[in-house]
Each structure stands twice: as C-alpha cells, then as structure tokens.
C-alpha cells in the first residue's frame, strides 16, 4: 500500500465520520425542537447538565484508571495467572 492511498483512505474515513457526526447533531437538534409539550423548568436543565457532566467525569476517570493500570503492569499479573490456568486445564484435558 502506498503512502498516497493510505492518506486517501484516512481522509475518506475522517470525512465519513465527520458526516456521521454532523447528521447525528442535526438529528438531535431537530428532535429536541420538534417535541411538543410544556417547557422544561430551569431545575430540569440544571439536573440534565449535572447528569451529563457527572457521566463524563466518571467515564474519563474509569478510562484513566484503565490506562494507568495498563501502563504500570497491574494487568500483567492477572493475564499471567489466566494463561497459566489455561495451560494447566489443557494438560489435564490431554491426559
């Protein structure tokens, strides 16, 4: 694969993803404005904002823990034990 075709593939992928993002934003905005009903009170907007912020903070914190655990090798011991367990179960099956 040449460098030019790789770059074209990357540009095409980014263009498709940006198109999907634009379509989802348009759909969300259109759905939000087309729903009939009583207006949401200020406390509803505050609760929704706090819920979104809390969810993003929890998600980022958990992802940070995953990267930290992976970088410092905390997952290696669990993977080594699982691999050892798989090998011992294979030897028991062969016998």
N, C-alpha and C. Protein backbone atom coordinates (compact mmCIF):
# COMPACT_ATOMS: atom_id res chain seq x y z
N UNK A 1 0.85 -1.17 0.00
CA UNK A 1 0.00 0.00 0.00
C UNK A 1 0.90 1.23 0.00
N UNK A 2 0.62 2.13 -0.90
CA UNK A 2 1.46 3.32 -1.00
C UNK A 2 1.01 4.36 0.01
N UNK A 3 1.89 5.33 0.18
CA UNK A 3 1.61 6.38 1.15
C UNK A 3 0.42 7.24 0.71
N UNK A 4 0.27 7.44 -0.60
CA UNK A 4 -0.82 8.27 -1.12
C UNK A 4 -2.16 7.58 -0.90
N UNK A 5 -2.25 6.28 -1.18
CA UNK A 5 -3.51 5.59 -1.00
C UNK A 5 -3.87 5.47 0.48
N UNK A 6 -2.88 5.37 1.34
CA UNK A 6 -3.13 5.33 2.77
C UNK A 6 -3.68 6.68 3.24
N UNK A 7 -3.13 7.75 2.71
CA UNK A 7 -3.60 9.09 3.08
C UNK A 7 -5.02 9.33 2.57
N UNK A 8 -5.32 8.84 1.36
CA UNK A 8 -6.67 8.99 0.81
C UNK A 8 -7.66 8.21 1.66
N UNK A 9 -7.28 7.02 2.10
CA UNK A 9 -8.14 6.23 2.97
C UNK A 9 -8.41 6.92 4.29
N UNK A 10 -7.39 7.55 4.85
CA UNK A 10 -7.55 8.28 6.11
C UNK A 10 -8.47 9.47 5.92
N UNK A 11 -8.29 10.21 4.84
CA UNK A 11 -9.15 11.37 4.57
C UNK A 11 -10.59 10.91 4.36
N UNK A 12 -10.79 9.81 3.65
CA UNK A 12 -12.14 9.30 3.42
C UNK A 12 -12.79 8.88 4.74
N UNK A 13 -12.04 8.21 5.59
CA UNK A 13 -12.57 7.78 6.89
C UNK A 13 -12.96 8.99 7.74
N UNK A 14 -12.10 10.00 7.79
CA UNK A 14 -12.40 11.19 8.58
C UNK A 14 -13.62 11.91 8.00
N UNK A 15 -13.73 11.98 6.67
CA UNK A 15 -14.88 12.64 6.04
C UNK A 15 -16.18 11.91 6.39
N UNK A 16 -16.16 10.58 6.34
CA UNK A 16 -17.36 9.81 6.68
C UNK A 16 -17.73 10.01 8.15
N UNK A 17 -16.74 9.96 9.03
CA UNK A 17 -17.01 10.14 10.46
C UNK A 17 -17.54 11.55 10.77
N UNK A 18 -16.98 12.57 10.11
CA UNK A 18 -17.48 13.92 10.30
C UNK A 18 -18.90 14.06 9.76
N UNK A 19 -19.20 13.39 8.65
CA UNK A 19 -20.56 13.40 8.12
C UNK A 19 -21.54 12.75 9.09
N UNK A 20 -21.14 11.63 9.67
CA UNK A 20 -22.00 10.98 10.67
C UNK A 20 -22.20 11.86 11.90
N UNK A 21 -21.15 12.54 12.33
CA UNK A 21 -21.26 13.46 13.46
C UNK A 21 -22.22 14.59 13.15
N UNK A 22 -22.09 15.18 11.96
CA UNK A 22 -22.98 16.28 11.57
C UNK A 22 -24.43 15.79 11.50
N UNK A 23 -24.65 14.59 10.94
CA UNK A 23 -26.00 14.06 10.84
C UNK A 23 -26.59 13.79 12.21
N UNK A 24 -25.79 13.28 13.13
CA UNK A 24 -26.31 13.00 14.48
C UNK A 24 -26.61 14.29 15.23
N UNK A 25 -25.79 15.32 15.04
CA UNK A 25 -26.07 16.61 15.69
C UNK A 25 -27.34 17.22 15.11
N UNK A 26 -27.50 17.15 13.79
CA UNK A 26 -28.72 17.68 13.17
C UNK A 26 -29.94 16.92 13.68
N UNK A 27 -29.86 15.59 13.74
CA UNK A 27 -30.98 14.79 14.20
C UNK A 27 -31.34 15.12 15.65
N UNK A 28 -30.33 15.27 16.50
CA UNK A 28 -30.58 15.58 17.90
C UNK A 28 -31.23 16.95 18.04
N UNK A 29 -30.71 17.94 17.31
CA UNK A 29 -31.28 19.29 17.39
C UNK A 29 -32.70 19.32 16.83
N UNK A 30 -32.93 18.62 15.73
CA UNK A 30 -34.27 18.57 15.13
C UNK A 30 -35.25 17.86 16.07
N UNK A 31 -34.83 16.77 16.67
CA UNK A 31 -35.70 16.04 17.60
C UNK A 31 -35.99 16.87 18.84
N UNK A 32 -34.99 17.61 19.32
CA UNK A 32 -35.16 18.41 20.52
C UNK A 32 -36.18 19.52 20.29
N UNK A 33 -36.13 20.14 19.12
CA UNK A 33 -37.02 21.28 18.87
C UNK A 33 -38.40 20.86 18.39
N UNK A 34 -38.55 19.65 17.88
CA UNK A 34 -39.84 19.25 17.33
C UNK A 34 -40.77 18.61 18.35
N UNK A 35 -40.29 18.32 19.54
CA UNK A 35 -41.11 17.68 20.56
C UNK A 35 -42.02 18.74 21.19
N UNK A 36 -43.31 18.44 21.21
CA UNK A 36 -44.27 19.36 21.84
C UNK A 36 -44.45 18.99 23.30
N UNK A 37 -44.77 19.97 24.09
CA UNK A 37 -45.02 19.73 25.49
C UNK A 37 -44.70 20.97 26.28
N UNK A 38 -44.87 20.89 27.57
CA UNK A 38 -44.57 22.06 28.39
C UNK A 38 -43.06 22.31 28.41
N UNK A 39 -42.66 23.55 28.56
CA UNK A 39 -41.22 23.84 28.60
C UNK A 39 -40.57 23.25 29.86
N UNK A 40 -39.33 22.89 29.71
CA UNK A 40 -38.61 22.32 30.85
C UNK A 40 -38.22 23.45 31.80
N UNK A 41 -38.43 23.26 33.09
CA UNK A 41 -38.04 24.30 34.05
C UNK A 41 -36.52 24.38 34.18
N UNK A 42 -36.05 25.44 34.77
CA UNK A 42 -34.61 25.64 34.94
C UNK A 42 -33.99 24.51 35.75
N UNK A 43 -34.72 23.98 36.72
CA UNK A 43 -34.17 22.89 37.53
C UNK A 43 -33.96 21.64 36.67
N UNK A 44 -34.78 21.46 35.64
CA UNK A 44 -34.59 20.33 34.73
C UNK A 44 -33.30 20.45 33.93
N UNK A 45 -33.03 21.68 33.44
CA UNK A 45 -31.79 21.90 32.71
C UNK A 45 -30.57 21.72 33.63
N UNK A 46 -30.69 22.17 34.86
CA UNK A 46 -29.58 22.00 35.81
C UNK A 46 -29.34 20.52 36.09
N UNK A 47 -30.42 19.77 36.31
CA UNK A 47 -30.28 18.33 36.58
C UNK A 47 -29.70 17.61 35.37
N UNK A 48 -30.15 17.97 34.17
CA UNK A 48 -29.62 17.32 32.97
C UNK A 48 -28.14 17.64 32.79
N UNK A 49 -27.76 18.90 33.01
CA UNK A 49 -26.35 19.29 32.88
C UNK A 49 -25.48 18.57 33.90
N UNK A 50 -25.95 18.50 35.14
CA UNK A 50 -25.18 17.79 36.17
C UNK A 50 -25.06 16.30 35.84
N UNK A 51 -26.11 15.70 35.31
CA UNK A 51 -26.06 14.30 34.93
C UNK A 51 -25.06 14.04 33.82
N UNK A 52 -25.05 14.91 32.82
CA UNK A 52 -24.10 14.75 31.71
C UNK A 52 -22.67 14.94 32.20
N UNK A 53 -22.43 15.99 32.98
CA UNK A 53 -21.08 16.26 33.49
C UNK A 53 -20.62 15.11 34.38
N UNK A 54 -21.49 14.63 35.27
CA UNK A 54 -21.14 13.53 36.16
C UNK A 54 -20.79 12.27 35.35
N UNK A 55 -21.57 11.98 34.32
CA UNK A 55 -21.31 10.80 33.49
C UNK A 55 -19.98 10.92 32.76
N UNK A 56 -19.67 12.10 32.25
CA UNK A 56 -18.40 12.30 31.55
C UNK A 56 -17.23 12.17 32.52
N UNK A 57 -17.37 12.75 33.71
CA UNK A 57 -16.29 12.66 34.71
C UNK A 57 -16.04 11.21 35.11
N UNK A 58 -17.11 10.45 35.36
CA UNK A 58 -16.96 9.04 35.73
C UNK A 58 -16.33 8.25 34.58
N UNK A 59 -16.79 8.48 33.36
CA UNK A 59 -16.22 7.78 32.21
C UNK A 59 -14.75 8.09 32.02
N UNK A 60 -14.38 9.37 32.13
CA UNK A 60 -12.97 9.74 31.99
C UNK A 60 -12.13 9.16 33.12
N UNK A 61 -12.67 9.17 34.33
CA UNK A 61 -11.93 8.60 35.46
C UNK A 61 -11.69 7.11 35.29
N UNK A 62 -12.70 6.40 34.84
CA UNK A 62 -12.53 4.96 34.63
C UNK A 62 -11.54 4.67 33.49
N UNK A 63 -11.60 5.46 32.43
CA UNK A 63 -10.64 5.25 31.34
C UNK A 63 -9.22 5.58 31.81
N UNK A 64 -9.07 6.61 32.64
CA UNK A 64 -7.75 6.94 33.18
C UNK A 64 -7.23 5.78 34.02
N UNK A 65 -8.10 5.16 34.81
CA UNK A 65 -7.67 4.00 35.61
C UNK A 65 -7.25 2.83 34.73
N UNK A 66 -7.95 2.62 33.62
CA UNK A 66 -7.59 1.54 32.71
C UNK A 66 -6.21 1.80 32.11
N UNK A 67 -5.97 3.04 31.65
CA UNK A 67 -4.67 3.35 31.07
C UNK A 67 -3.56 3.29 32.11
N UNK A 68 -3.83 3.77 33.31
CA UNK A 68 -2.84 3.72 34.39
C UNK A 68 -2.49 2.27 34.74
N UNK A 69 -3.53 1.44 34.85
CA UNK A 69 -3.32 0.03 35.19
C UNK A 69 -2.52 -0.67 34.10
N UNK A 70 -2.82 -0.37 32.85
CA UNK A 70 -2.10 -0.99 31.75
C UNK A 70 -0.65 -0.51 31.69
N UNK A 71 -0.43 0.76 31.90
CA UNK A 71 0.92 1.31 31.79
C UNK A 71 1.85 0.78 32.88
N UNK A 72 1.35 0.62 34.09
CA UNK A 72 2.20 0.19 35.20
C UNK A 72 2.15 -1.30 35.47
N UNK A 73 1.52 -2.06 34.58
CA UNK A 73 1.61 -3.50 34.64
C UNK A 73 0.70 -4.19 35.63
N UNK A 74 -0.31 -3.50 36.14
CA UNK A 74 -1.21 -4.15 37.09
C UNK A 74 -2.04 -5.24 36.43
N UNK A 75 -2.22 -5.17 35.12
CA UNK A 75 -3.00 -6.19 34.41
C UNK A 75 -2.16 -7.41 34.05
N UNK A 76 -0.84 -7.26 34.05
CA UNK A 76 0.02 -8.36 33.62
C UNK A 76 -0.11 -9.57 34.53
N UNK A 77 -0.17 -9.35 35.82
CA UNK A 77 -0.26 -10.47 36.76
C UNK A 77 -1.55 -11.26 36.55
N UNK A 78 -2.65 -10.58 36.33
CA UNK A 78 -3.92 -11.27 36.10
C UNK A 78 -3.87 -12.05 34.79
N UNK A 79 -3.26 -11.48 33.77
CA UNK A 79 -3.15 -12.19 32.49
C UNK A 79 -2.22 -13.39 32.59
N UNK A 80 -1.15 -13.27 33.38
CA UNK A 80 -0.24 -14.40 33.56
C UNK A 80 -0.94 -15.54 34.29
N UNK A 81 -1.74 -15.22 35.30
CA UNK A 81 -2.45 -16.26 36.04
C UNK A 81 -3.49 -16.93 35.15
N UNK A 82 -4.16 -16.14 34.31
CA UNK A 82 -5.16 -16.72 33.42
C UNK A 82 -4.48 -17.63 32.39
N UNK A 83 -3.32 -17.20 31.87
CA UNK A 83 -2.61 -18.03 30.91
C UNK A 83 -2.14 -19.32 31.55
N UNK A 84 -1.65 -19.23 32.79
CA UNK A 84 -1.20 -20.43 33.49
C UNK A 84 -2.37 -21.36 33.75
N UNK A 85 -3.51 -20.79 34.09
CA UNK A 85 -4.71 -21.60 34.31
C UNK A 85 -5.17 -22.28 33.03
N UNK A 86 -5.06 -21.60 31.91
CA UNK A 86 -5.45 -22.19 30.63
C UNK A 86 -4.53 -23.34 30.26
N UNK A 87 -3.22 -23.17 30.52
CA UNK A 87 -2.27 -24.23 30.17
C UNK A 87 -2.48 -25.45 31.05
N UNK A 88 -2.76 -25.26 32.35
CA UNK A 88 -2.96 -26.41 33.23
C UNK A 88 -4.24 -27.14 32.86
N UNK A 89 -5.27 -26.40 32.44
CA UNK A 89 -6.50 -27.10 32.04
C UNK A 89 -6.30 -27.85 30.72
N UNK A 90 -5.42 -27.36 29.87
CA UNK A 90 -5.14 -28.07 28.62
C UNK A 90 -4.39 -29.37 28.90
N UNK A 91 -3.45 -29.33 29.86
CA UNK A 91 -2.71 -30.55 30.14
C UNK A 91 -3.61 -31.60 30.79
N UNK A 92 -4.57 -31.17 31.58
CA UNK A 92 -5.50 -32.12 32.18
C UNK A 92 -6.42 -32.74 31.14
N UNK A 93 -6.76 -31.97 30.14
CA UNK A 93 -7.63 -32.50 29.09
C UNK A 93 -6.89 -33.50 28.22
N UNK A 94 -5.60 -33.28 28.01
CA UNK A 94 -4.83 -34.16 27.13
C UNK A 94 -4.61 -35.50 27.80
N UNK A 95 -4.42 -35.53 29.09
CA UNK A 95 -4.14 -36.78 29.80
C UNK A 95 -5.30 -37.63 29.77
